[in-house]
Each structure stands twice: as C-alpha cells, then as structure tokens.
Protein backbone atom coordinates (compact mmCIF):
# COMPACT_ATOMS: atom_id res chain seq x y z
CA MET A 1 -11.41 21.04 10.84
CA THR A 2 -14.50 21.36 8.58
CA GLU A 3 -13.71 21.11 4.73
CA GLY A 4 -14.38 24.23 2.97
CA LEU A 5 -16.08 24.59 -0.43
CA ARG A 6 -12.95 24.92 -2.36
CA GLU A 7 -11.33 21.70 -0.83
CA ARG A 8 -14.74 19.88 -1.43
CA LYS A 9 -14.68 21.10 -5.19
CA LYS A 10 -11.25 20.14 -5.68
CA ARG A 11 -11.64 16.66 -4.04
CA ALA A 12 -14.70 16.14 -6.32
CA THR A 13 -12.68 17.06 -9.55
CA ARG A 14 -9.86 14.78 -8.46
CA GLN A 15 -12.20 11.97 -7.99
CA ARG A 16 -13.87 12.50 -11.24
CA ILE A 17 -10.71 12.57 -13.02
CA ALA A 18 -9.51 9.36 -11.46
CA GLU A 19 -13.02 7.47 -12.04
CA ALA A 20 -12.93 8.60 -15.79
CA ALA A 21 -9.59 7.48 -16.19
CA THR A 22 -10.14 4.11 -14.83
CA GLU A 23 -13.16 3.39 -16.83
CA LEU A 24 -11.23 4.14 -19.90
CA PHE A 25 -8.06 2.36 -18.76
CA VAL A 26 -10.12 -1.02 -18.08
CA ALA A 27 -12.04 -0.54 -21.20
CA ARG A 28 -9.16 0.08 -23.56
CA GLY A 29 -6.01 -0.77 -21.69
CA PHE A 30 -3.71 1.63 -19.93
CA ALA A 31 -1.05 2.10 -22.84
CA GLU A 32 -3.96 2.99 -25.35
CA VAL A 33 -5.59 5.85 -23.65
CA THR A 34 -4.13 9.47 -23.67
CA ILE A 35 -4.40 12.12 -20.92
CA ALA A 36 -6.01 14.12 -23.30
CA GLU A 37 -8.88 11.62 -23.80
CA VAL A 38 -9.03 11.12 -19.94
CA ALA A 39 -9.42 15.05 -19.69
CA GLU A 40 -12.15 15.07 -22.16
CA ALA A 41 -14.23 12.10 -20.45
CA ALA A 42 -13.81 14.14 -17.01
CA GLU A 43 -14.57 17.28 -18.75
CA VAL A 44 -11.51 19.18 -17.77
CA SER A 45 -8.48 20.48 -19.57
CA VAL A 46 -5.22 18.57 -20.05
CA ASN A 47 -3.62 21.12 -17.71
CA THR A 48 -6.13 20.24 -14.95
CA VAL A 49 -5.22 16.77 -15.08
CA TYR A 50 -1.72 17.37 -14.54
CA ASN A 51 -2.34 19.65 -11.69
CA TYR A 52 -3.80 16.77 -9.61
CA PHE A 53 -1.83 14.00 -11.40
CA GLU A 54 1.87 14.36 -12.15
CA SER A 55 1.81 11.38 -14.27
CA LYS A 56 -0.45 8.95 -16.15
CA GLU A 57 0.54 6.19 -13.64
CA ASP A 58 -0.45 8.59 -10.80
CA LEU A 59 -4.01 8.13 -12.11
CA VAL A 60 -4.15 4.58 -11.10
CA LEU A 61 -1.54 4.47 -8.26
CA PRO A 62 -1.82 7.98 -6.67
CA PRO A 63 1.13 8.77 -4.23
CA ASP A 64 -1.47 9.42 -1.37
CA ARG A 65 -3.15 5.87 -1.63
CA ALA A 66 -0.05 4.03 -3.00
CA SER A 67 2.47 5.44 -0.57
CA ALA A 68 6.07 4.10 -0.08
CA GLY A 69 5.77 5.32 3.61
CA ARG A 70 2.79 2.71 4.14
CA LEU A 71 4.66 0.05 6.32
CA ALA A 72 7.03 2.90 8.27
CA ASP A 73 3.79 4.58 9.10
CA ILE A 74 2.08 1.56 10.40
CA VAL A 75 5.13 1.23 12.57
CA ARG A 76 5.23 4.69 13.72
CA GLU A 77 1.55 4.77 14.76
CA ARG A 78 1.55 1.46 16.34
CA PRO A 79 0.21 0.80 19.97
CA ALA A 80 2.73 0.85 22.89
CA GLY A 81 4.28 -2.46 23.63
CA THR A 82 3.68 -3.91 20.21
CA SER A 83 6.64 -4.62 17.94
CA PRO A 84 7.01 -3.58 14.40
CA ALA A 85 6.36 -6.80 12.80
CA ARG A 86 3.30 -7.61 14.90
CA ALA A 87 1.94 -4.33 14.19
CA VAL A 88 2.32 -4.94 10.42
CA LEU A 89 0.48 -8.43 10.81
CA ALA A 90 -2.24 -6.81 13.00
CA ARG A 91 -2.89 -4.08 10.33
CA LEU A 92 -3.15 -6.56 7.52
CA ARG A 93 -5.59 -8.76 9.47
CA ALA A 94 -7.77 -5.67 10.16
CA GLU A 95 -7.68 -4.43 6.70
CA ILE A 96 -8.54 -7.91 5.50
CA ARG A 97 -11.69 -7.82 7.89
CA ALA A 98 -12.65 -4.44 6.85
CA ARG A 99 -11.98 -5.39 2.95
CA ASP A 100 -10.06 -2.52 2.64
CA ARG A 101 -9.48 -0.86 -0.57
CA ALA A 102 -5.75 -0.72 0.19
CA LEU A 103 -5.45 -4.38 -0.38
CA GLY A 104 -7.87 -4.62 -3.40
CA LEU A 105 -10.77 -6.10 -1.61
CA THR A 106 -13.53 -4.14 -3.25
CA GLU A 107 -16.04 -4.94 -5.70
CA GLY A 108 -15.00 -4.32 -9.22
CA PHE A 109 -11.33 -4.41 -8.33
CA GLY A 110 -10.91 -7.45 -10.59
CA ARG A 111 -11.35 -5.62 -13.91
CA VAL A 112 -8.79 -3.10 -12.52
CA PHE A 113 -6.26 -5.56 -11.36
CA GLY A 114 -6.44 -7.04 -14.76
CA MET A 115 -5.70 -3.95 -16.49
CA MET A 116 -2.82 -3.16 -14.07
CA ARG A 117 -1.30 -6.73 -14.91
CA ALA A 118 -1.28 -6.06 -18.43
CA ALA A 119 0.69 -2.60 -18.15
CA PRO A 120 4.42 -3.00 -17.84
CA THR A 121 4.86 0.54 -16.55
CA LEU A 122 2.33 -0.02 -13.71
CA LEU A 123 3.95 -3.16 -12.77
CA ALA A 124 7.27 -1.45 -12.51
CA ARG A 125 5.72 1.14 -10.54
CA LEU A 126 4.48 -1.59 -8.09
CA GLU A 127 7.84 -3.30 -7.85
CA ASP A 128 9.57 0.12 -7.22
CA LEU A 129 6.76 1.00 -4.44
CA GLY A 130 7.46 -2.44 -2.57
CA GLU A 131 11.32 -1.67 -2.72
CA ARG A 132 11.00 1.92 -1.31
CA MET A 133 8.42 0.63 1.54
CA THR A 134 10.81 -1.57 2.60
CA ALA A 135 13.69 0.95 2.55
CA GLU A 136 11.63 3.57 4.61
CA LEU A 137 10.57 0.88 7.08
CA ALA A 138 14.25 -0.02 7.51
CA GLY A 139 15.23 3.51 8.28
CA VAL A 140 12.42 3.68 11.03
CA LEU A 141 13.72 0.32 12.48
CA ALA A 142 17.49 1.26 12.45
CA GLU A 143 16.49 4.70 14.37
CA GLU A 144 14.28 2.95 16.94
CA ALA A 145 16.91 0.23 17.62
CA GLY A 146 19.63 2.80 17.58
CA ALA A 147 21.51 0.69 15.26
CA ALA A 148 24.98 1.46 13.93
CA PRO A 149 25.05 2.52 10.07
CA ASP A 150 26.63 -0.64 8.89
CA ASP A 151 24.38 -3.17 11.01
CA PRO A 152 22.33 -5.13 8.61
CA LEU A 153 19.73 -6.38 10.92
CA PRO A 154 17.23 -3.50 10.59
CA ARG A 155 17.50 -3.71 6.81
CA LEU A 156 16.97 -7.75 6.98
CA VAL A 157 14.02 -7.49 9.45
CA ALA A 158 12.43 -4.98 7.18
CA ALA A 159 12.72 -7.14 4.29
CA GLN A 160 11.24 -9.87 6.05
CA ILE A 161 8.21 -7.66 7.12
CA GLY A 162 7.95 -6.35 3.67
CA TRP A 163 7.76 -9.94 2.30
CA CYS A 164 4.87 -10.62 4.58
CA HIS A 165 3.11 -7.60 3.18
CA GLU A 166 4.05 -8.86 -0.25
CA GLN A 167 2.77 -12.16 -0.05
CA VAL A 168 -0.52 -11.14 1.29
CA LEU A 169 -1.10 -8.74 -1.73
CA GLY A 170 0.00 -11.52 -4.19
CA GLU A 171 -2.51 -14.10 -2.67
CA ILE A 172 -5.23 -11.28 -3.21
CA GLY A 173 -4.07 -10.65 -6.63
CA ARG A 174 -3.99 -14.17 -7.65
CA ARG A 175 -7.45 -15.02 -6.16
CA THR A 176 -8.75 -11.69 -7.91
CA ALA A 177 -7.49 -12.89 -11.19
CA ALA A 178 -8.90 -16.38 -10.84
CA GLY A 179 -12.38 -14.61 -10.31
CA GLU A 180 -12.85 -15.06 -6.52
CA ASP A 181 -15.01 -12.17 -4.90
CA PRO A 182 -13.90 -10.03 -2.26
CA GLY A 183 -15.84 -11.78 0.40
CA THR A 184 -14.49 -15.21 -0.65
CA ILE A 185 -10.79 -13.71 -0.47
CA ALA A 186 -11.18 -12.04 2.60
CA ALA A 187 -12.26 -15.31 4.23
CA ALA A 188 -9.46 -17.16 2.99
CA VAL A 189 -6.34 -14.94 3.33
CA PRO A 190 -6.24 -14.97 7.21
CA ALA A 191 -5.10 -18.46 7.05
CA LEU A 192 -2.24 -17.59 4.91
CA LEU A 193 -1.22 -14.86 7.38
CA ASP A 194 -1.39 -17.61 10.10
CA VAL A 195 1.40 -19.52 8.10
CA ILE A 196 3.37 -16.42 7.56
CA GLU A 197 3.49 -15.59 11.15
CA GLY A 198 4.51 -19.24 11.91
CA LEU A 199 7.47 -19.01 9.69
CA LEU A 200 8.78 -15.56 11.07
CA GLY A 201 11.24 -16.21 14.16
CA GLU A 202 10.97 -14.64 17.27
CA ARG A 203 14.03 -12.54 16.41
CA VAL A 204 11.94 -10.92 13.69
CA LEU A 205 8.57 -10.76 15.53
CA ASP A 206 9.99 -9.25 18.53
CA TYR A 207 12.55 -6.91 16.93
CA PRO A 208 13.99 -4.68 18.27
CA GLY A 209 13.58 -6.56 21.54
CA GLU A 210 11.04 -6.93 24.44
CA ALA A 211 11.09 -3.22 25.48
CA PHE A 212 10.15 -1.88 22.26
CA ARG A 213 11.76 1.52 21.40
CA ALA A 214 9.37 4.56 21.05
CA PRO A 215 10.06 6.13 17.45
CA GLY A 216 12.80 9.02 17.43
CA ASP A 217 12.99 9.75 21.29
CA GLY A 218 15.31 7.07 22.74
CA THR A 219 12.54 6.02 25.32
CA THR A 220 11.01 2.38 25.44
CA ARG A 221 7.43 1.19 25.05
CA SER A 222 6.04 0.00 28.25
C-alpha cells in the first residue's frame, strides 16, 4: 500500500523530533535535557512530542525499534526446518553483515552509546527490555513444543538464546566504547558468534526437536 501524504508528514515529524532529541542528549546528557527543549529544537509543541513518544526514554529507545518481541518475532518468522536457536544465530549473522542499526553498527552510534551508558534510566530500560524479550520468546517456545505450564525447558532454552543475543550486543557495545568503527566491529563479531554457537548443546540448538513445530498450529516443519 502506498504511503499517503498524511502518513509521510507524520513519519517526517517523528523523525525530526527523534533526531533533535538525540542531538541534544549527546551534546548535554540525557538527564540534562527537558522535553520542552526537545520540542523547541524540533519546532513542535510539547504535546506533539508526547503524541509521538510516550516517555523521554522512548525518544532514544522507541518501542517500534527496541521491541520486546524481537526474538519471538525472529522465531515466528523463521524458515521451515530451522530451529529457534539457529534462526536467531542466523539473523544475528545477517544483521552483522548488513551493519544493521538494530545492533548499533552504524556511523556515529558511538556517541549515542556513550550517552546511553551514562543514563541510569536508559540502562534500566535496556535491562528490562532484555528480560521481556526472553519472556516473550519462552512463551513462543512453550507453545510450539506443547509444553506443560510447569515445564521449565522452554524458559531455560529461551534464556540461553537471550544470552547469545546479549553477548553479541555486549561485544558490540564494548568495541564501540573502545572507539572501533562499525566496519571493524562487524568483521570481528562473527568469530564471537562461532564461539557462542560452539558452547550451545544440541538440546538447545535443536529444540524443540528434529521436526520443528510450526508456531501455534500443532503441525511440524518439514
């Protein structure tokens, strides 16, 4: 469906607000900037800022980009015959090759990352996001496996997959903080993924079994 004029204007306004906020946050620190100052820099009203972003933290970590459903969505969308763990590892490798912004592999992210590390509320948001990602993934795995409510296996497998995701993001963050450029980081991180994959046992890598269940319909993946 073609995007209409109204939608394009709304998207442009949202982007302008986010860019103005990021510039101010990086220059002065997240805690030091008010929503009123963001609105003034973006040439909109304070109410308009809140119409697009429910909280100040959303200006840096908007729910549509920093989604708790990220890992669950990767698993739901995976190709037939691919296990959840292998699907997440494959997506991470593809995003690294593409220097995807979802992993922070873009020019200029180092300054943004430094600002985020210095903001306790943003760090708390990231920690909560990771926990919710794992919880949503556990729900998908339990559904696919037909697991009993008290079966801990889906939750434990989801925790292992979430750990893989966390280690990749952490490595990118450490290298970014050390001043490495996105190209250098993208070239180095696949080796870490190889080590991570080697540490995972077959029970995690192939869960929920050789005939991978299709999400929500009780069938199996061929």
